[in-house]
PDB file of N, CA and C in Angstrom:
ATOM      1  N   UNK A   1     -65.195 -79.034-130.890  1.00  0.00           N
ATOM      2  CA  UNK A   1     -65.937 -79.851-129.941  1.00  0.00           C
ATOM      3  C   UNK A   1     -67.091 -79.036-129.347  1.00  0.00           C
ATOM      4  N   UNK A   2     -68.230 -79.659-129.282  1.00  0.00           N
ATOM      5  CA  UNK A   2     -69.423 -78.992-128.758  1.00  0.00           C
ATOM      6  C   UNK A   2     -69.473 -79.145-127.241  1.00  0.00           C
ATOM      7  N   UNK A   3     -69.729 -78.042-126.559  1.00  0.00           N
ATOM      8  CA  UNK A   3     -69.898 -78.088-125.112  1.00  0.00           C
ATOM      9  C   UNK A   3     -71.194 -78.819-124.788  1.00  0.00           C
ATOM     10  N   UNK A   4     -71.160 -79.623-123.727  1.00  0.00           N
ATOM     11  CA  UNK A   4     -72.367 -80.312-123.280  1.00  0.00           C
ATOM     12  C   UNK A   4     -72.730 -79.833-121.879  1.00  0.00           C
ATOM     13  N   UNK A   5     -74.016 -79.629-121.667  1.00  0.00           N
ATOM     14  CA  UNK A   5     -74.518 -79.241-120.355  1.00  0.00           C
ATOM     15  C   UNK A   5     -75.364 -80.376-119.805  1.00  0.00           C
ATOM     16  N   UNK A   6     -75.209 -80.664-118.524  1.00  0.00           N
ATOM     17  CA  UNK A   6     -76.021 -81.686-117.872  1.00  0.00           C
ATOM     18  C   UNK A   6     -77.465 -81.200-117.805  1.00  0.00           C
ATOM     19  N   UNK A   7     -78.426 -82.131-117.867  1.00  0.00           N
ATOM     20  CA  UNK A   7     -79.833 -81.729-117.759  1.00  0.00           C
ATOM     21  C   UNK A   7     -80.118 -80.878-116.525  1.00  0.00           C
ATOM     22  N   UNK A   8     -79.445 -81.144-115.411  1.00  0.00           N
ATOM     23  CA  UNK A   8     -79.644 -80.350-114.194  1.00  0.00           C
ATOM     24  C   UNK A   8     -79.272 -78.887-114.433  1.00  0.00           C
ATOM     25  N   UNK A   9     -78.169 -78.669-115.132  1.00  0.00           N
ATOM     26  CA  UNK A   9     -77.743 -77.298-115.406  1.00  0.00           C
ATOM     27  C   UNK A   9     -78.695 -76.624-116.395  1.00  0.00           C
ATOM     28  N   UNK A  10     -79.149 -77.383-117.399  1.00  0.00           N
ATOM     29  CA  UNK A  10     -80.108 -76.828-118.356  1.00  0.00           C
ATOM     30  C   UNK A  10     -81.380 -76.419-117.616  1.00  0.00           C
ATOM     31  N   UNK A  11     -81.884 -77.289-116.738  1.00  0.00           N
ATOM     32  CA  UNK A  11     -83.088 -76.978-115.978  1.00  0.00           C
ATOM     33  C   UNK A  11     -82.903 -75.712-115.151  1.00  0.00           C
ATOM     34  N   UNK A  12     -81.775 -75.594-114.493  1.00  0.00           N
ATOM     35  CA  UNK A  12     -81.508 -74.414-113.671  1.00  0.00           C
ATOM     36  C   UNK A  12     -81.486 -73.150-114.522  1.00  0.00           C
ATOM     37  N   UNK A  13     -80.864 -73.238-115.685  1.00  0.00           N
ATOM     38  CA  UNK A  13     -80.783 -72.065-116.563  1.00  0.00           C
ATOM     39  C   UNK A  13     -82.134 -71.723-117.177  1.00  0.00           C
ATOM     40  N   UNK A  14     -82.960 -72.747-117.453  1.00  0.00           N
ATOM     41  CA  UNK A  14     -84.321 -72.491-117.934  1.00  0.00           C
ATOM     42  C   UNK A  14     -85.111 -71.758-116.851  1.00  0.00           C
ATOM     43  N   UNK A  15     -84.979 -72.218-115.607  1.00  0.00           N
ATOM     44  CA  UNK A  15     -85.679 -71.573-114.489  1.00  0.00           C
ATOM     45  C   UNK A  15     -85.240 -70.114-114.341  1.00  0.00           C
ATOM     46  N   UNK A  16     -83.958 -69.844-114.577  1.00  0.00           N
ATOM     47  CA  UNK A  16     -83.415 -68.489-114.465  1.00  0.00           C
ATOM     48  C   UNK A  16     -83.715 -67.628-115.688  1.00  0.00           C
ATOM     49  N   UNK A  17     -84.164 -68.264-116.767  1.00  0.00           N
ATOM     50  CA  UNK A  17     -84.485 -67.532-117.984  1.00  0.00           C
ATOM     51  C   UNK A  17     -83.280 -67.025-118.753  1.00  0.00           C
ATOM     52  N   UNK A  18     -82.119 -67.667-118.578  1.00  0.00           N
ATOM     53  CA  UNK A  18     -80.922 -67.176-119.261  1.00  0.00           C
ATOM     54  C   UNK A  18     -80.394 -68.143-120.322  1.00  0.00           C
ATOM     55  N   UNK A  19     -81.285 -68.961-120.886  1.00  0.00           N
ATOM     56  CA  UNK A  19     -80.874 -69.863-121.952  1.00  0.00           C
ATOM     57  C   UNK A  19     -82.060 -70.064-122.898  1.00  0.00           C
ATOM     58  N   UNK A  20     -81.759 -70.260-124.161  1.00  0.00           N
ATOM     59  CA  UNK A  20     -82.776 -70.558-125.166  1.00  0.00           C
ATOM     60  C   UNK A  20     -82.587 -72.030-125.549  1.00  0.00           C
ATOM     61  N   UNK A  21     -83.670 -72.813-125.471  1.00  0.00           N
ATOM     62  CA  UNK A  21     -83.589 -74.232-125.800  1.00  0.00           C
ATOM     63  C   UNK A  21     -84.163 -74.457-127.197  1.00  0.00           C
ATOM     64  N   UNK A  22     -83.373 -75.104-128.044  1.00  0.00           N
ATOM     65  CA  UNK A  22     -83.818 -75.496-129.379  1.00  0.00           C
ATOM     66  C   UNK A  22     -84.042 -77.009-129.340  1.00  0.00           C
ATOM     67  N   UNK A  23     -85.284 -77.430-129.516  1.00  0.00           N
ATOM     68  CA  UNK A  23     -85.670 -78.841-129.480  1.00  0.00           C
ATOM     69  C   UNK A  23     -85.689 -79.343-130.917  1.00  0.00           C
ATOM     70  N   UNK A  24     -84.801 -80.293-131.238  1.00  0.00           N
ATOM     71  CA  UNK A  24     -84.644 -80.738-132.623  1.00  0.00           C
ATOM     72  C   UNK A  24     -85.479 -81.971-132.974  1.00  0.00           C
ATOM     73  N   UNK A  25     -86.374 -82.354-132.079  1.00  0.00           N
ATOM     74  CA  UNK A  25     -87.206 -83.535-132.336  1.00  0.00           C
ATOM     75  C   UNK A  25     -88.361 -83.195-133.284  1.00  0.00           C
ATOM     76  N   UNK A  26     -88.992 -84.230-133.862  1.00  0.00           N
ATOM     77  CA  UNK A  26     -90.165 -83.991-134.712  1.00  0.00           C
ATOM     78  C   UNK A  26     -91.286 -83.336-133.910  1.00  0.00           C
ATOM     79  N   UNK A  27     -92.170 -82.573-134.581  1.00  0.00           N
ATOM     80  CA  UNK A  27     -93.252 -81.859-133.883  1.00  0.00           C
ATOM     81  C   UNK A  27     -94.122 -82.753-133.000  1.00  0.00           C
ATOM     82  N   UNK A  28     -94.396 -83.973-133.420  1.00  0.00           N
ATOM     83  CA  UNK A  28     -95.258 -84.844-132.598  1.00  0.00           C
ATOM     84  C   UNK A  28     -94.608 -85.166-131.259  1.00  0.00           C
ATOM     85  N   UNK A  29     -93.292 -85.395-131.258  1.00  0.00           N
ATOM     86  CA  UNK A  29     -92.582 -85.664-129.999  1.00  0.00           C
ATOM     87  C   UNK A  29     -92.526 -84.398-129.148  1.00  0.00           C
ATOM     88  N   UNK A  30     -92.281 -83.267-129.792  1.00  0.00           N
ATOM     89  CA  UNK A  30     -92.232 -81.984-129.090  1.00  0.00           C
ATOM     90  C   UNK A  30     -93.560 -81.706-128.393  1.00  0.00           C
ATOM     91  N   UNK A  31     -94.670 -81.891-129.124  1.00  0.00           N
ATOM     92  CA  UNK A  31     -95.995 -81.601-128.572  1.00  0.00           C
ATOM     93  C   UNK A  31     -96.353 -82.514-127.411  1.00  0.00           C
ATOM     94  N   UNK A  32     -95.799 -83.736-127.400  1.00  0.00           N
ATOM     95  CA  UNK A  32     -96.084 -84.688-126.321  1.00  0.00           C
ATOM     96  C   UNK A  32     -95.407 -84.279-125.012  1.00  0.00           C
ATOM     97  N   UNK A  33     -94.341 -83.487-125.087  1.00  0.00           N
ATOM     98  CA  UNK A  33     -93.652 -83.010-123.891  1.00  0.00           C
ATOM     99  C   UNK A  33     -92.297 -82.443-124.228  1.00  0.00           C
ATOM    100  N   UNK A  34     -92.059 -81.199-123.808  1.00  0.00           N
ATOM    101  CA  UNK A  34     -90.786 -80.536-124.094  1.00  0.00           C
ATOM    102  C   UNK A  34     -90.369 -79.649-122.925  1.00  0.00           C
ATOM    103  N   UNK A  35     -89.116 -79.279-122.939  1.00  0.00           N
ATOM    104  CA  UNK A  35     -88.568 -78.387-121.923  1.00  0.00           C
ATOM    105  C   UNK A  35     -89.338 -77.063-121.997  1.00  0.00           C
ATOM    106  N   UNK A  36     -89.772 -76.529-120.855  1.00  0.00           N
ATOM    107  CA  UNK A  36     -90.538 -75.276-120.870  1.00  0.00           C
ATOM    108  C   UNK A  36     -89.834 -74.169-121.652  1.00  0.00           C
ATOM    109  N   UNK A  37     -90.586 -73.584-122.579  1.00  0.00           N
ATOM    110  CA  UNK A  37     -90.064 -72.480-123.380  1.00  0.00           C
ATOM    111  C   UNK A  37     -89.246 -72.887-124.585  1.00  0.00           C
ATOM    112  N   UNK A  38     -89.042 -74.190-124.783  1.00  0.00           N
ATOM    113  CA  UNK A  38     -88.222 -74.649-125.912  1.00  0.00           C
ATOM    114  C   UNK A  38     -88.868 -74.288-127.240  1.00  0.00           C
ATOM    115  N   UNK A  39     -88.027 -74.024-128.227  1.00  0.00           N
ATOM    116  CA  UNK A  39     -88.463 -73.744-129.594  1.00  0.00           C
ATOM    117  C   UNK A  39     -88.256 -75.017-130.403  1.00  0.00           C
ATOM    118  N   UNK A  40     -89.292 -75.456-131.094  1.00  0.00           N
ATOM    119  CA  UNK A  40     -89.185 -76.681-131.888  1.00  0.00           C
ATOM    120  C   UNK A  40     -88.686 -76.365-133.290  1.00  0.00           C
ATOM    121  N   UNK A  41     -87.478 -76.855-133.591  1.00  0.00           N
ATOM    122  CA  UNK A  41     -86.905 -76.760-134.925  1.00  0.00           C
ATOM    123  C   UNK A  41     -86.352 -78.144-135.256  1.00  0.00           C
ATOM    124  N   UNK A  42     -87.156 -78.991-135.935  1.00  0.00           N
ATOM    125  CA  UNK A  42     -86.662 -80.327-136.276  1.00  0.00           C
ATOM    126  C   UNK A  42     -85.315 -80.255-136.981  1.00  0.00           C
ATOM    127  N   UNK A  43     -84.448 -81.213-136.700  1.00  0.00           N
ATOM    128  CA  UNK A  43     -83.080 -81.187-137.201  1.00  0.00           C
ATOM    129  C   UNK A  43     -83.018 -80.982-138.706  1.00  0.00           C
ATOM    130  N   UNK A  44     -83.892 -81.647-139.454  1.00  0.00           N
ATOM    131  CA  UNK A  44     -83.883 -81.506-140.912  1.00  0.00           C
ATOM    132  C   UNK A  44     -84.237 -80.107-141.392  1.00  0.00           C
ATOM    133  N   UNK A  45     -84.973 -79.363-140.563  1.00  0.00           N
ATOM    134  CA  UNK A  45     -85.376 -77.996-140.922  1.00  0.00           C
ATOM    135  C   UNK A  45     -84.376 -76.953-140.451  1.00  0.00           C
ATOM    136  N   UNK A  46     -83.446 -77.359-139.612  1.00  0.00           N
ATOM    137  CA  UNK A  46     -82.553 -76.391-138.969  1.00  0.00           C
ATOM    138  C   UNK A  46     -81.745 -75.550-139.958  1.00  0.00           C
ATOM    139  N   UNK A  47     -81.098 -76.168-140.980  1.00  0.00           N
ATOM    140  CA  UNK A  47     -80.284 -75.329-141.872  1.00  0.00           C
ATOM    141  C   UNK A  47     -81.061 -74.192-142.529  1.00  0.00           C
ATOM    142  N   UNK A  48     -82.318 -74.439-142.898  1.00  0.00           N
ATOM    143  CA  UNK A  48     -83.095 -73.387-143.554  1.00  0.00           C
ATOM    144  C   UNK A  48     -83.747 -72.437-142.550  1.00  0.00           C
ATOM    145  N   UNK A  49     -83.852 -72.844-141.281  1.00  0.00           N
ATOM    146  CA  UNK A  49     -84.528 -72.044-140.269  1.00  0.00           C
ATOM    147  C   UNK A  49     -83.576 -71.128-139.500  1.00  0.00           C
ATOM    148  N   UNK A  50     -82.322 -71.526-139.358  1.00  0.00           N
ATOM    149  CA  UNK A  50     -81.353 -70.754-138.561  1.00  0.00           C
ATOM    150  C   UNK A  50     -81.336 -69.271-138.942  1.00  0.00           C
ATOM    151  N   UNK A  51     -81.317 -68.924-140.234  1.00  0.00           N
ATOM    152  CA  UNK A  51     -81.287 -67.496-140.569  1.00  0.00           C
ATOM    153  C   UNK A  51     -82.554 -66.739-140.171  1.00  0.00           C
ATOM    154  N   UNK A  52     -83.669 -67.453-139.973  1.00  0.00           N
ATOM    155  CA  UNK A  52     -84.939 -66.805-139.636  1.00  0.00           C
ATOM    156  C   UNK A  52     -85.111 -66.545-138.146  1.00  0.00           C
ATOM    157  N   UNK A  53     -84.279 -67.164-137.326  1.00  0.00           N
ATOM    158  CA  UNK A  53     -84.392 -66.992-135.875  1.00  0.00           C
ATOM    159  C   UNK A  53     -83.655 -65.722-135.465  1.00  0.00           C
ATOM    160  N   UNK A  54     -84.270 -64.954-134.589  1.00  0.00           N
ATOM    161  CA  UNK A  54     -83.655 -63.723-134.097  1.00  0.00           C
ATOM    162  C   UNK A  54     -82.683 -64.087-132.976  1.00  0.00           C
ATOM    163  N   UNK A  55     -81.433 -64.262-133.319  1.00  0.00           N
ATOM    164  CA  UNK A  55     -80.408 -64.644-132.337  1.00  0.00           C
ATOM    165  C   UNK A  55     -79.980 -63.400-131.589  1.00  0.00           C
ATOM    166  N   UNK A  56     -80.149 -63.422-130.273  1.00  0.00           N
ATOM    167  CA  UNK A  56     -79.664 -62.316-129.466  1.00  0.00           C
ATOM    168  C   UNK A  56     -78.444 -62.810-128.695  1.00  0.00           C
ATOM    169  N   UNK A  57     -78.162 -62.224-127.568  1.00  0.00           N
ATOM    170  CA  UNK A  57     -76.964 -62.622-126.827  1.00  0.00           C
ATOM    171  C   UNK A  57     -77.257 -63.696-125.783  1.00  0.00           C
ATOM    172  N   UNK A  58     -78.385 -64.396-125.926  1.00  0.00           N
ATOM    173  CA  UNK A  58     -78.744 -65.462-124.999  1.00  0.00           C
ATOM    174  C   UNK A  58     -78.069 -66.767-125.411  1.00  0.00           C
ATOM    175  N   UNK A  59     -77.505 -67.472-124.439  1.00  0.00           N
ATOM    176  CA  UNK A  59     -76.898 -68.770-124.724  1.00  0.00           C
ATOM    177  C   UNK A  59     -77.956 -69.739-125.239  1.00  0.00           C
ATOM    178  N   UNK A  60     -77.506 -70.740-125.990  1.00  0.00           N
ATOM    179  CA  UNK A  60     -78.405 -71.690-126.639  1.00  0.00           C
ATOM    180  C   UNK A  60     -78.026 -73.109-126.225  1.00  0.00           C
ATOM    181  N   UNK A  61     -79.045 -73.932-125.942  1.00  0.00           N
ATOM    182  CA  UNK A  61     -78.828 -75.355-125.691  1.00  0.00           C
ATOM    183  C   UNK A  61     -79.738 -76.124-126.643  1.00  0.00           C
ATOM    184  N   UNK A  62     -79.165 -77.070-127.369  1.00  0.00           N
ATOM    185  CA  UNK A  62     -79.936 -77.919-128.264  1.00  0.00           C
ATOM    186  C   UNK A  62     -80.278 -79.218-127.541  1.00  0.00           C
ATOM    187  N   UNK A  63     -81.509 -79.685-127.739  1.00  0.00           N
ATOM    188  CA  UNK A  63     -81.971 -80.907-127.082  1.00  0.00           C
ATOM    189  C   UNK A  63     -82.574 -81.851-128.116  1.00  0.00           C
ATOM    190  N   UNK A  64     -82.267 -83.142-127.969  1.00  0.00           N
ATOM    191  CA  UNK A  64     -82.777 -84.182-128.858  1.00  0.00           C
ATOM    192  C   UNK A  64     -83.079 -85.416-128.007  1.00  0.00           C
ATOM    193  N   UNK A  65     -83.483 -86.542-128.611  1.00  0.00           N
ATOM    194  CA  UNK A  65     -83.835 -87.716-127.794  1.00  0.00           C
ATOM    195  C   UNK A  65     -82.718 -88.244-126.891  1.00  0.00           C
ATOM    196  N   UNK A  66     -81.489 -88.399-127.421  1.00  0.00           N
ATOM    197  CA  UNK A  66     -80.426 -89.021-126.615  1.00  0.00           C
ATOM    198  C   UNK A  66     -79.132 -88.211-126.550  1.00  0.00           C
ATOM    199  N   UNK A  67     -79.144 -86.987-127.042  1.00  0.00           N
ATOM    200  CA  UNK A  67     -77.959 -86.140-126.926  1.00  0.00           C
ATOM    201  C   UNK A  67     -76.926 -86.319-128.023  1.00  0.00           C
ATOM    202  N   UNK A  68     -77.313 -86.890-129.167  1.00  0.00           N
ATOM    203  CA  UNK A  68     -76.379 -87.046-130.278  1.00  0.00           C
ATOM    204  C   UNK A  68     -76.641 -86.035-131.393  1.00  0.00           C
ATOM    205  N   UNK A  69     -77.853 -86.032-131.945  1.00  0.00           N
ATOM    206  CA  UNK A  69     -78.139 -85.092-133.036  1.00  0.00           C
ATOM    207  C   UNK A  69     -78.111 -83.643-132.548  1.00  0.00           C
ATOM    208  N   UNK A  70     -78.308 -83.447-131.248  1.00  0.00           N
ATOM    209  CA  UNK A  70     -78.243 -82.083-130.713  1.00  0.00           C
ATOM    210  C   UNK A  70     -76.822 -81.524-130.826  1.00  0.00           C
ATOM    211  N   UNK A  71     -75.821 -82.379-130.837  1.00  0.00           N
ATOM    212  CA  UNK A  71     -74.441 -81.914-131.040  1.00  0.00           C
ATOM    213  C   UNK A  71     -74.285 -81.353-132.451  1.00  0.00           C
ATOM    214  N   UNK A  72     -74.868 -82.051-133.433  1.00  0.00           N
ATOM    215  CA  UNK A  72     -74.821 -81.562-134.821  1.00  0.00           C
ATOM    216  C   UNK A  72     -75.547 -80.225-134.920  1.00  0.00           C
ATOM    217  N   UNK A  73     -76.702 -80.134-134.273  1.00  0.00           N
ATOM    218  CA  UNK A  73     -77.473 -78.893-134.288  1.00  0.00           C
ATOM    219  C   UNK A  73     -76.670 -77.749-133.677  1.00  0.00           C
ATOM    220  N   UNK A  74     -76.002 -78.021-132.559  1.00  0.00           N
ATOM    221  CA  UNK A  74     -75.207 -76.987-131.895  1.00  0.00           C
ATOM    222  C   UNK A  74     -74.062 -76.518-132.785  1.00  0.00           C
ATOM    223  N   UNK A  75     -73.410 -77.453-133.478  1.00  0.00           N
ATOM    224  CA  UNK A  75     -72.323 -77.070-134.389  1.00  0.00           C
ATOM    225  C   UNK A  75     -72.847 -76.185-135.513  1.00  0.00           C
ATOM    226  N   UNK A  76     -74.000 -76.542-136.065  1.00  0.00           N
ATOM    227  CA  UNK A  76     -74.589 -75.765-137.153  1.00  0.00           C
ATOM    228  C   UNK A  76     -74.931 -74.355-136.677  1.00  0.00           C
ATOM    229  N   UNK A  77     -75.597 -74.254-135.537  1.00  0.00           N
ATOM    230  CA  UNK A  77     -76.000 -72.935-135.018  1.00  0.00           C
ATOM    231  C   UNK A  77     -74.774 -72.085-134.701  1.00  0.00           C
ATOM    232  N   UNK A  78     -73.769 -72.688-134.060  1.00  0.00           N
ATOM    233  CA  UNK A  78     -72.589 -71.901-133.676  1.00  0.00           C
ATOM    234  C   UNK A  78     -71.797 -71.419-134.893  1.00  0.00           C
ATOM    235  N   UNK A  79     -71.943 -72.095-136.031  1.00  0.00           N
ATOM    236  CA  UNK A  79     -71.223 -71.672-137.230  1.00  0.00           C
ATOM    237  C   UNK A  79     -71.955 -70.559-137.987  1.00  0.00           C
ATOM    238  N   UNK A  80     -73.204 -70.303-137.622  1.00  0.00           N
ATOM    239  CA  UNK A  80     -73.986 -69.268-138.301  1.00  0.00           C
ATOM    240  C   UNK A  80     -73.467 -67.887-137.921  1.00  0.00           C
ATOM    241  N   UNK A  81     -73.247 -67.037-138.917  1.00  0.00           N
ATOM    242  CA  UNK A  81     -72.649 -65.718-138.660  1.00  0.00           C
ATOM    243  C   UNK A  81     -73.552 -64.783-137.866  1.00  0.00           C
ATOM    244  N   UNK A  82     -74.850 -65.076-137.786  1.00  0.00           N
ATOM    245  CA  UNK A  82     -75.759 -64.239-137.024  1.00  0.00           C
ATOM    246  C   UNK A  82     -75.704 -64.485-135.530  1.00  0.00           C
ATOM    247  N   UNK A  83     -74.959 -65.518-135.112  1.00  0.00           N
ATOM    248  CA  UNK A  83     -74.823 -65.826-133.692  1.00  0.00           C
ATOM    249  C   UNK A  83     -73.519 -65.200-133.199  1.00  0.00           C
ATOM    250  N   UNK A  84     -73.627 -64.359-132.172  1.00  0.00           N
ATOM    251  CA  UNK A  84     -72.445 -63.660-131.648  1.00  0.00           C
ATOM    252  C   UNK A  84     -71.398 -64.645-131.134  1.00  0.00           C
ATOM    253  N   UNK A  85     -70.127 -64.261-131.243  1.00  0.00           N
ATOM    254  CA  UNK A  85     -69.025 -65.130-130.823  1.00  0.00           C
ATOM    255  C   UNK A  85     -69.052 -65.461-129.341  1.00  0.00           C
ATOM    256  N   UNK A  86     -69.606 -64.567-128.521  1.00  0.00           N
ATOM    257  CA  UNK A  86     -69.591 -64.813-127.077  1.00  0.00           C
ATOM    258  C   UNK A  86     -70.810 -65.605-126.592  1.00  0.00           C
ATOM    259  N   UNK A  87     -71.692 -65.998-127.515  1.00  0.00           N
ATOM    260  CA  UNK A  87     -72.856 -66.808-127.154  1.00  0.00           C
ATOM    261  C   UNK A  87     -72.431 -68.272-127.101  1.00  0.00           C
ATOM    262  N   UNK A  88     -72.723 -68.922-125.981  1.00  0.00           N
ATOM    263  CA  UNK A  88     -72.425 -70.348-125.841  1.00  0.00           C
ATOM    264  C   UNK A  88     -73.542 -71.133-126.525  1.00  0.00           C
ATOM    265  N   UNK A  89     -73.157 -72.039-127.430  1.00  0.00           N
ATOM    266  CA  UNK A  89     -74.117 -72.928-128.077  1.00  0.00           C
ATOM    267  C   UNK A  89     -73.720 -74.342-127.672  1.00  0.00           C
ATOM    268  N   UNK A  90     -74.570 -74.990-126.889  1.00  0.00           N
ATOM    269  CA  UNK A  90     -74.233 -76.284-126.302  1.00  0.00           C
ATOM    270  C   UNK A  90     -75.290 -77.326-126.649  1.00  0.00           C
ATOM    271  N   UNK A  91     -74.970 -78.561-126.292  1.00  0.00           N
ATOM    272  CA  UNK A  91     -75.883 -79.695-126.442  1.00  0.00           C
ATOM    273  C   UNK A  91     -76.233 -80.192-125.042  1.00  0.00           C
ATOM    274  N   UNK A  92     -77.482 -80.646-124.860  1.00  0.00           N
ATOM    275  CA  UNK A  92     -77.847 -81.212-123.561  1.00  0.00           C
ATOM    276  C   UNK A  92     -77.407 -82.668-123.512  1.00  0.00           C
ATOM    277  N   UNK A  93     -76.511 -82.965-122.592  1.00  0.00           N
ATOM    278  CA  UNK A  93     -75.965 -84.314-122.442  1.00  0.00           C
ATOM    279  C   UNK A  93     -77.084 -85.315-122.133  1.00  0.00           C
ATOM    280  N   UNK A  94     -77.133 -86.399-122.885  1.00  0.00           N
ATOM    281  CA  UNK A  94     -78.118 -87.445-122.642  1.00  0.00           C
ATOM    282  C   UNK A  94     -79.488 -87.184-123.212  1.00  0.00           C
ATOM    283  N   UNK A  95     -79.733 -85.973-123.697  1.00  0.00           N
ATOM    284  CA  UNK A  95     -80.998 -85.634-124.315  1.00  0.00           C
ATOM    285  C   UNK A  95     -82.192 -85.823-123.392  1.00  0.00           C
ATOM    286  N   UNK A  96     -83.359 -85.935-124.003  1.00  0.00           N
ATOM    287  CA  UNK A  96     -84.594 -86.090-123.226  1.00  0.00           C
ATOM    288  C   UNK A  96     -84.602 -87.385-122.425  1.00  0.00           C
ATOM    289  N   UNK A  97     -83.812 -88.356-122.844  1.00  0.00           N
ATOM    290  CA  UNK A  97     -83.729 -89.615-122.099  1.00  0.00           C
ATOM    291  C   UNK A  97     -83.256 -89.376-120.659  1.00  0.00           C
ATOM    292  N   UNK A  98     -82.447 -88.325-120.455  1.00  0.00           N
ATOM    293  CA  UNK A  98     -81.895 -88.021-119.133  1.00  0.00           C
ATOM    294  C   UNK A  98     -82.631 -86.886-118.416  1.00  0.00           C
ATOM    295  N   UNK A  99     -83.631 -86.295-119.071  1.00  0.00           N
ATOM    296  CA  UNK A  99     -84.362 -85.150-118.505  1.00  0.00           C
ATOM    297  C   UNK A  99     -85.367 -85.648-117.479  1.00  0.00           C
ATOM    298  N   UNK A 100     -85.214 -85.263-116.219  1.00  0.00           N
ATOM    299  CA  UNK A 100     -86.106 -85.700-115.143  1.00  0.00           C
ATOM    300  C   UNK A 100     -86.940 -84.560-114.569  1.00  0.00           C
ATOM    301  N   UNK A 101     -87.059 -83.482-115.314  1.00  0.00           N
ATOM    302  CA  UNK A 101     -87.727 -82.296-114.795  1.00  0.00           C
ATOM    303  C   UNK A 101     -89.057 -82.062-115.517  1.00  0.00           C
ATOM    304  N   UNK A 102     -89.728 -80.993-115.144  1.00  0.00           N
ATOM    305  CA  UNK A 102     -91.032 -80.654-115.709  1.00  0.00           C
ATOM    306  C   UNK A 102     -90.973 -80.517-117.230  1.00  0.00           C
ATOM    307  N   UNK A 103     -92.063 -80.940-117.867  1.00  0.00           N
ATOM    308  CA  UNK A 103     -92.209 -80.776-119.312  1.00  0.00           C
ATOM    309  C   UNK A 103     -93.490 -80.008-119.599  1.00  0.00           C
ATOM    310  N   UNK A 104     -93.467 -79.220-120.664  1.00  0.00           N
ATOM    311  CA  UNK A 104     -94.662 -78.575-121.176  1.00  0.00           C
ATOM    312  C   UNK A 104     -95.202 -79.444-122.306  1.00  0.00           C
ATOM    313  N   UNK A 105     -96.486 -79.344-122.568  1.00  0.00           N
ATOM    314  CA  UNK A 105     -97.051 -80.019-123.722  1.00  0.00           C
ATOM    315  C   UNK A 105     -97.720 -78.994-124.607  1.00  0.00           C
ATOM    316  N   UNK A 106     -97.996 -79.387-125.826  1.00  0.00           N
ATOM    317  CA  UNK A 106     -98.700 -78.493-126.732  1.00  0.00           C
ATOM    318  C   UNK A 106     -97.904 -78.178-127.963  1.00  0.00           C
ATOM    319  N   UNK A 107     -98.526 -77.414-128.839  1.00  0.00           N
ATOM    320  CA  UNK A 107     -97.953 -77.092-130.150  1.00  0.00           C
ATOM    321  C   UNK A 107     -96.722 -76.209-130.016  1.00  0.00           C
ATOM    322  N   UNK A 108     -95.926 -76.273-131.051  1.00  0.00           N
ATOM    323  CA  UNK A 108     -94.673 -75.514-131.106  1.00  0.00           C
ATOM    324  C   UNK A 108     -94.932 -74.016-131.159  1.00  0.00           C
ATOM    325  N   UNK A 109     -94.104 -73.283-130.447  1.00  0.00           N
ATOM    326  CA  UNK A 109     -94.125 -71.827-130.523  1.00  0.00           C
ATOM    327  C   UNK A 109     -93.255 -71.400-131.696  1.00  0.00           C
ATOM    328  N   UNK A 110     -93.567 -70.296-132.286  1.00  0.00           N
ATOM    329  CA  UNK A 110     -92.759 -69.799-133.388  1.00  0.00           C
ATOM    330  C   UNK A 110     -91.410 -69.306-132.877  1.00  0.00           C
ATOM    331  N   UNK A 111     -90.400 -69.534-133.709  1.00  0.00           N
ATOM    332  CA  UNK A 111     -89.051 -69.060-133.366  1.00  0.00           C
ATOM    333  C   UNK A 111     -89.084 -67.593-133.479  1.00  0.00           C
TER     334      UNK A 111
END
């Protein structure tokens, strides 16, 4: 079972700088507005991209439109051997539909 974090908790952790957000939406949706500092990795690209990301000991939260595909993304990332066992990989409950906080706009940053 994938752990879910409320958008309020994700926002607080983003403000504290102690979480990495993986945004699984298409680039056009990401560029229109995303959680500050989020890395855009569309869900279809995730399996081939996971090995290329430098996973450190920072917890990870996956975000998608409604909080469903982000659960799949979290399961995939947590199963990758490059992610330490003590790193929490979670899904943001309700996805962007429930996000009421500041958004950044612009092109995707490299993972």
